Protein backbone atom coordinates (compact mmCIF):
# COMPACT_ATOMS: atom_id res chain seq x y z
CA MET A 1 -19.27 -15.00 13.97
CA SER A 2 -16.78 -14.13 11.09
CA THR A 3 -15.91 -16.41 8.51
CA HIS A 4 -12.06 -16.67 7.03
CA HIS A 5 -11.21 -16.25 3.18
CA THR A 6 -8.31 -17.36 1.46
CA ILE A 7 -7.46 -16.22 -2.09
CA ALA A 8 -4.43 -17.84 -3.69
CA CYS A 9 -2.31 -15.91 -6.15
CA ARG A 10 -3.84 -17.22 -9.40
CA PRO A 11 -4.18 -15.45 -12.62
CA GLU A 12 -7.83 -15.36 -12.09
CA HIS A 13 -7.43 -13.85 -8.79
CA CYS A 14 -5.32 -11.22 -10.27
CA HIS A 15 -5.35 -7.93 -12.20
CA TRP A 16 -2.09 -5.99 -13.77
CA GLY A 17 -1.39 -2.55 -13.36
CA PHE A 18 -4.50 -1.09 -12.90
CA PHE A 19 -8.07 -0.36 -10.66
CA ASP A 20 -11.44 -0.56 -11.89
CA SER A 21 -14.58 -0.81 -10.57
CA ALA A 22 -16.11 -2.62 -13.64
CA LEU A 23 -13.47 -5.97 -12.03
CA PRO A 24 -16.02 -8.28 -11.02
CA PRO A 25 -14.66 -9.32 -7.38
CA VAL A 26 -13.26 -12.68 -7.10
CA VAL A 27 -14.59 -13.25 -3.20
CA THR A 28 -17.35 -11.33 -1.36
CA VAL A 29 -17.09 -11.11 2.30
CA ALA A 30 -19.06 -10.06 4.97
CA SER A 31 -18.34 -6.73 7.05
CA GLY A 32 -15.90 -8.20 10.03
CA ASP A 33 -14.71 -11.13 8.05
CA THR A 34 -11.15 -11.84 7.30
CA VAL A 35 -9.32 -12.84 4.41
CA THR A 36 -5.75 -13.86 3.19
CA LEU A 37 -4.28 -12.80 -0.03
CA ASP A 38 -1.37 -14.22 -1.54
CA CYS A 39 0.88 -11.81 -3.84
CA VAL A 40 4.21 -11.83 -6.02
CA SER A 41 5.70 -9.10 -7.36
CA GLY A 42 7.94 -8.31 -10.51
CA SER A 43 7.82 -8.89 -14.40
CA ARG A 44 10.09 -11.49 -15.56
CA THR A 45 12.70 -9.17 -16.28
CA ASP A 46 12.92 -8.98 -12.57
CA LEU A 47 13.63 -12.52 -11.62
CA PRO A 48 16.95 -13.56 -10.72
CA SER A 49 18.99 -16.65 -12.37
CA ASP A 50 20.27 -17.66 -9.46
CA PRO A 51 18.71 -21.18 -9.02
CA ALA A 52 19.45 -20.57 -5.63
CA PHE A 53 16.90 -18.22 -5.25
CA GLU A 54 13.28 -19.90 -5.52
CA ILE A 55 10.85 -18.69 -7.78
CA LEU A 56 6.64 -19.42 -7.08
CA ALA A 57 4.52 -21.09 -9.43
CA ASP A 58 2.13 -18.93 -9.16
CA HIS A 59 4.36 -16.39 -10.47
CA ARG A 60 5.19 -18.14 -13.30
CA ALA A 61 1.59 -18.86 -14.00
CA ILE A 62 0.61 -15.07 -13.85
CA HIS A 63 3.48 -14.05 -16.48
CA GLU A 64 1.96 -16.69 -18.61
CA ALA A 65 -1.76 -16.00 -18.47
CA LEU A 66 -1.57 -11.83 -18.09
CA THR A 67 -0.68 -8.76 -19.43
CA PRO A 68 0.03 -5.44 -17.83
CA ARG A 69 -1.84 -2.93 -18.41
CA LEU A 70 -1.54 1.25 -17.55
CA GLY A 71 0.88 -0.04 -14.78
CA ALA A 72 3.55 -2.25 -13.17
CA HIS A 73 1.67 -3.95 -10.23
CA ILE A 74 0.21 -7.45 -9.84
CA LEU A 75 -2.31 -7.09 -7.85
CA THR A 76 -4.51 -9.99 -5.81
CA GLY A 77 -8.55 -8.94 -5.71
CA PRO A 78 -10.65 -7.38 -5.71
CA VAL A 79 -12.28 -8.24 -2.81
CA ALA A 80 -15.95 -7.25 -2.31
CA VAL A 81 -17.28 -6.00 1.26
CA GLU A 82 -20.98 -6.63 1.65
CA GLY A 83 -22.70 -3.13 2.25
CA ALA A 84 -20.25 -1.13 1.07
CA GLU A 85 -21.33 1.97 -0.49
CA PRO A 86 -19.61 5.05 -1.90
CA GLY A 87 -19.61 7.45 0.92
CA ASP A 88 -18.37 4.78 3.56
CA VAL A 89 -15.04 3.87 4.89
CA LEU A 90 -13.43 0.13 4.60
CA GLN A 91 -11.16 -0.19 7.67
CA ILE A 92 -8.69 -3.04 6.48
CA ASP A 93 -7.29 -4.01 9.90
CA ILE A 94 -3.65 -5.68 8.94
CA LEU A 95 -3.53 -8.90 11.02
CA SER A 96 -0.24 -10.30 9.57
CA ILE A 97 2.02 -10.34 6.54
CA GLU A 98 4.73 -12.64 6.04
CA PRO A 99 7.36 -13.17 3.01
CA ARG A 100 6.51 -16.06 0.27
CA GLN A 101 10.07 -16.41 -0.91
CA ASN A 102 13.60 -16.04 -0.48
CA TRP A 103 15.00 -12.93 -2.33
CA GLY A 104 13.94 -9.72 -3.28
CA TYR A 105 14.91 -7.30 -5.66
CA THR A 106 15.97 -3.37 -5.95
CA ARG A 107 16.22 -1.54 -9.28
CA ILE A 108 17.18 1.69 -11.04
CA ARG A 109 16.13 2.20 -14.18
CA PRO A 110 16.28 5.51 -16.79
CA LEU A 111 13.42 8.58 -16.64
CA VAL A 112 12.12 7.37 -13.24
CA GLY A 113 12.67 7.80 -9.71
CA THR A 114 13.93 11.17 -7.42
CA LEU A 115 17.12 11.50 -9.59
CA PRO A 116 16.71 10.29 -12.78
CA GLU A 117 18.84 12.75 -14.27
CA ASP A 118 21.87 11.22 -12.28
CA PHE A 119 21.34 8.29 -12.79
CA PRO A 120 20.37 7.52 -16.48
CA ILE A 121 20.97 3.68 -16.20
CA THR A 122 19.55 0.34 -15.24
CA LYS A 123 20.65 -1.68 -12.43
CA MET A 124 19.40 -4.69 -10.54
CA TRP A 125 20.15 -6.08 -6.94
CA HIS A 126 18.82 -9.23 -6.17
CA SER A 127 18.88 -9.78 -2.11
CA THR A 128 18.70 -12.98 -0.32
CA ILE A 129 15.74 -12.95 2.29
CA ASP A 130 15.77 -15.19 5.56
CA ARG A 131 12.53 -15.59 6.59
CA GLN A 132 12.96 -16.91 9.74
CA CYS A 133 15.30 -14.50 10.85
CA GLY A 134 13.97 -11.60 9.67
CA VAL A 135 16.60 -10.15 7.69
CA ALA A 136 17.64 -9.12 3.84
CA THR A 137 21.08 -9.55 2.92
CA LEU A 138 22.21 -7.08 0.13
CA PRO A 139 24.67 -7.69 -2.40
CA ILE A 140 26.90 -5.37 -0.83
CA GLY A 141 27.51 -7.41 2.37
CA ILE A 142 24.83 -5.75 4.39
CA GLU A 143 22.21 -7.16 6.40
CA ILE A 144 18.59 -5.03 6.82
CA GLU A 145 16.17 -5.90 9.15
CA LEU A 146 12.62 -7.04 7.60
CA ALA A 147 9.93 -4.59 8.10
CA PRO A 148 7.13 -6.22 5.30
CA PHE A 149 4.26 -3.96 4.20
CA PHE A 150 2.13 -4.17 1.05
CA GLY A 151 3.09 -1.09 -1.56
CA VAL A 152 -0.40 -1.33 -3.20
CA MET A 153 -3.75 -1.52 -0.91
CA GLY A 154 -6.49 0.19 -2.56
CA VAL A 155 -10.17 -0.30 -3.16
CA ALA A 156 -11.87 0.29 -6.91
CA PRO A 157 -11.97 4.18 -8.01
CA ARG A 158 -14.62 6.26 -8.65
CA PRO A 159 -16.87 4.50 -11.57
CA ALA A 160 -15.92 7.89 -13.89
CA TYR A 161 -12.34 7.03 -14.05
CA GLY A 162 -12.52 3.79 -15.42
CA ALA A 163 -9.22 1.84 -15.79
CA CYS A 164 -6.89 4.20 -13.45
CA SER A 165 -2.84 3.19 -13.67
CA SER A 166 -1.80 1.02 -10.39
CA ILE A 167 1.40 3.48 -9.97
CA GLN A 168 -0.28 6.63 -9.05
CA PRO A 169 -1.94 6.41 -5.49
CA ARG A 170 -4.88 8.67 -5.29
CA GLU A 171 -8.27 9.26 -3.07
CA PHE A 172 -8.69 5.33 -3.20
CA GLY A 173 -5.36 4.45 -2.12
CA GLY A 174 -3.25 2.35 -4.26
CA ASN A 175 0.26 2.90 -4.20
CA MET A 176 0.83 4.61 -1.52
CA ASP A 177 4.02 3.14 -0.35
CA LEU A 178 3.49 4.17 2.88
CA LYS A 179 6.01 1.70 5.16
CA GLU A 180 3.95 2.50 8.60
CA LEU A 181 1.28 -0.36 6.84
CA VAL A 182 3.05 -3.49 8.55
CA ALA A 183 1.10 -5.72 10.78
CA GLY A 184 -0.66 -4.53 14.17
CA THR A 185 -1.74 -1.09 11.64
CA THR A 186 -5.00 0.02 10.73
CA LEU A 187 -6.00 1.87 7.50
CA TYR A 188 -8.89 3.37 6.55
CA LEU A 189 -9.95 3.89 2.98
CA PRO A 190 -12.84 6.09 1.53
CA VAL A 191 -15.49 3.72 -0.66
CA TRP A 192 -16.40 5.02 -4.24
CA ALA A 193 -18.03 1.91 -5.77
CA PRO A 194 -20.54 -0.91 -4.48
CA GLY A 195 -18.65 -3.47 -2.54
CA ALA A 196 -15.32 -1.42 -2.20
CA LEU A 197 -13.55 -3.63 -4.12
CA PHE A 198 -10.37 -4.33 -1.98
CA SER A 199 -6.87 -5.21 -3.57
CA VAL A 200 -3.38 -5.19 -2.70
CA GLY A 201 -0.29 -6.16 -4.11
CA ASP A 202 3.48 -4.62 -4.47
CA GLY A 203 4.82 -6.18 -1.76
CA HIS A 204 8.14 -4.42 0.08
CA GLY A 205 10.30 -6.31 2.63
CA VAL A 206 11.31 -2.87 3.87
CA GLN A 207 11.57 0.76 2.41
CA GLY A 208 12.44 3.85 3.74
CA ASP A 209 10.51 7.02 3.46
CA GLY A 210 10.76 8.42 -0.21
CA GLU A 211 11.54 5.03 -2.00
CA VAL A 212 14.09 7.15 -3.75
CA CYS A 213 15.00 4.87 -6.58
CA ILE A 214 11.74 3.81 -7.16
CA THR A 215 11.77 0.40 -5.68
CA ALA A 216 12.24 -0.75 -2.13
CA LEU A 217 13.12 -4.59 -1.59
CA GLU A 218 10.38 -5.89 -3.94
CA THR A 219 9.07 -9.40 -3.38
CA ALA A 220 6.10 -11.80 -2.79
CA LEU A 221 4.07 -11.40 0.37
CA SER A 222 0.78 -12.87 2.32
CA GLY A 223 -1.12 -10.74 3.94
CA SER A 224 -4.19 -11.26 6.60
CA PHE A 225 -6.80 -8.54 6.76
CA ARG A 226 -10.11 -8.07 8.57
CA LEU A 227 -12.15 -5.95 6.77
CA SER A 228 -15.08 -3.70 7.89
CA VAL A 229 -17.66 -1.05 6.35
CA ARG A 230 -17.11 2.10 8.61
CA LYS A 231 -20.91 4.12 7.97
CA ASP A 232 -19.92 6.29 10.74
CA LEU A 233 -16.89 7.88 9.19
CA GLY A 234 -16.39 10.54 6.34
CA PHE A 235 -13.07 10.43 5.31
CA ARG A 236 -12.20 11.78 1.98
CA LEU A 237 -8.86 10.54 1.86
CA PRO A 238 -7.07 7.92 3.27
CA ARG A 239 -5.73 7.78 7.25
CA ALA A 240 -3.99 4.99 9.17
CA GLU A 241 -3.23 4.32 12.56
CA THR A 242 -0.68 2.66 14.67
CA PRO A 243 -0.11 1.37 18.10
CA THR A 244 1.09 4.43 18.70
CA HIS A 245 0.15 7.35 16.00
CA TYR A 246 -2.57 8.79 14.19
CA ILE A 247 -2.07 9.41 10.22
CA THR A 248 -3.37 11.23 7.59
CA MET A 249 -1.88 11.43 3.98
CA ALA A 250 -2.37 13.13 0.60
CA PHE A 251 -0.70 12.94 -2.46
CA ASN A 252 -0.24 15.29 -5.59
CA GLU A 253 2.37 15.90 -8.05
CA ASP A 254 3.51 18.79 -6.40
CA LEU A 255 4.71 17.66 -3.01
CA ASP A 256 4.08 20.91 -1.41
CA ASP A 257 0.51 20.51 -2.20
CA ALA A 258 0.31 17.06 -0.90
CA ALA A 259 2.06 18.38 2.53
CA LYS A 260 -1.05 20.96 2.78
CA ASP A 261 -3.83 18.02 1.73
CA ALA A 262 -2.27 16.04 4.72
CA LEU A 263 -2.05 18.81 6.96
CA ARG A 264 -5.81 19.86 6.15
CA ALA A 265 -7.02 16.06 6.74
CA MET A 266 -4.90 16.31 10.55
CA ILE A 267 -6.63 19.43 11.29
CA ASP A 268 -9.63 17.94 10.71
CA LEU A 269 -8.54 14.49 13.00
CA ILE A 270 -6.83 16.97 15.53
CA GLY A 271 -10.34 18.48 15.98
CA GLU A 272 -12.13 15.31 16.05
CA ARG A 273 -10.11 13.54 18.44
CA MET A 274 -9.24 16.72 20.58
CA GLY A 275 -12.22 19.21 20.73
CA LEU A 276 -9.62 21.93 19.32
CA SER A 277 -10.47 24.61 16.96
CA ARG A 278 -9.15 24.84 13.60
CA GLU A 279 -6.84 27.57 14.36
CA GLU A 280 -6.00 25.83 17.78
CA ALA A 281 -5.28 22.45 15.84
CA TYR A 282 -2.98 24.23 13.31
CA MET A 283 -0.78 25.80 16.45
CA PHE A 284 -0.79 22.21 18.52
CA ALA A 285 0.01 20.57 14.86
CA SER A 286 2.99 22.82 14.99
CA LEU A 287 4.25 21.41 17.96
CA ALA A 288 3.46 17.98 17.85
CA VAL A 289 2.63 16.51 14.66
CA ASP A 290 5.33 15.19 12.50
CA MET A 291 5.38 15.84 8.38
CA ARG A 292 7.08 13.09 6.50
CA VAL A 293 7.42 12.12 2.92
CA THR A 294 6.15 9.12 1.98
CA GLN A 295 7.29 8.35 -1.56
CA LEU A 296 8.70 10.99 -4.24
CA VAL A 297 8.61 8.78 -7.13
CA ASP A 298 5.05 7.30 -8.15
CA GLY A 299 4.22 10.75 -10.24
CA ASN A 300 1.42 11.73 -7.22
CA LYS A 301 4.15 12.55 -4.40
CA GLY A 302 2.81 11.64 -1.08
CA ILE A 303 2.89 13.41 2.44
CA HIS A 304 1.91 11.58 5.70
CA ALA A 305 1.49 13.56 8.98
CA MET A 306 2.12 11.69 11.99
CA LEU A 307 0.03 12.70 15.74
CA PRO A 308 1.07 10.44 18.86
CA LYS A 309 -1.35 9.03 20.56
CA ARG A 310 -0.46 10.34 23.70
CA PHE A 311 -2.14 13.05 22.95
CA ALA A 312 -5.61 12.14 21.68
CA PRO A 313 -6.26 8.74 23.53
CA THR A 314 -9.12 6.64 22.17
C-alpha cells in the first residue's frame, strides 16, 4: 500500500535557483508513494503592494532565510525515491495542481525574453486569481482561464555537473515550461543520481507556448504527484503523456537543434509504439506529429513533439 507525504513550503524544504545531486532530500519515499508539495514563486521585488493581495507567510519566511544561487526559481524538495538509480526513469503522475494565493505576476525586464531589443524596460503586472471560478483577471481588464502547471519539475543532474542553474532546462528536466504538464498528465524524467531527487517550483497559473516575455502568470501552487521508479524504460530526455497525446521534448540554445532532438526522440517513440522502421516513422511523423515551441526564453530553448494517442493506443 502506498503512503502519502506532505511537504510544506518552508525554508528548510526549499532551495533557490539551482539543482544539485549533493542536496540532501527533505523526505525519502517508496516507489509508488504520493507526495504533495507546496510552492511559492517570486522574489521580494515581485510581491504586490496592494493589500487586497494575500502574501503567504511561507513566502516571506523563504525571503528572510534563503538567498538565490545561480537562478531565480524557489524550488520545493528534493524528494528521494527509494530504488531510483542512474539509468532508470522516474515516472511522475500529476494528480492535482491548485493555486495557493489570489494573485500572480507577469514581468518584462531588460536583456531577456524573446524580443529584448524591442523592450529594454522593466514592467510588472499583478493579476487577480479567482480560485473558485478558475480565472485570472488581468490589469487590462481581460479574463483568462487558469490552466495551472509547474514551470520547473526536475530531478538532480549528473553528479559531475555540480550545481546547475534552475534557468536552463536540460536532460534532467528543470525549467521546461511545458504548458501540457497539467493535472492528469504523466512526466517521465531520466534519473542521473541515486534517489532521483525530484524538486518542483515556478508555479504558472496559465501560459502560452513560447512564454515569450520570459514570465507566465507566476504564482504559488500546491501539487500532488505519484512518484514511481521505472527500470523498464531507457529514455535519455524527458517525455510526457497526456490523456490524448504522447510528447517528446528537447532543449538547446539553437531552436533547430532542439527540434531535431525532439523529433529523433519522437521517431524512437513511434518505433516503440507502432513497430515502424525509422524511415517509416520519419515519414509518418510528417503526417501526424505536431512540432511545437515550448519556450524561447530560458537559455536552452525548448521544442516538444506531440503524437495523438489514437495512432498508437496503449
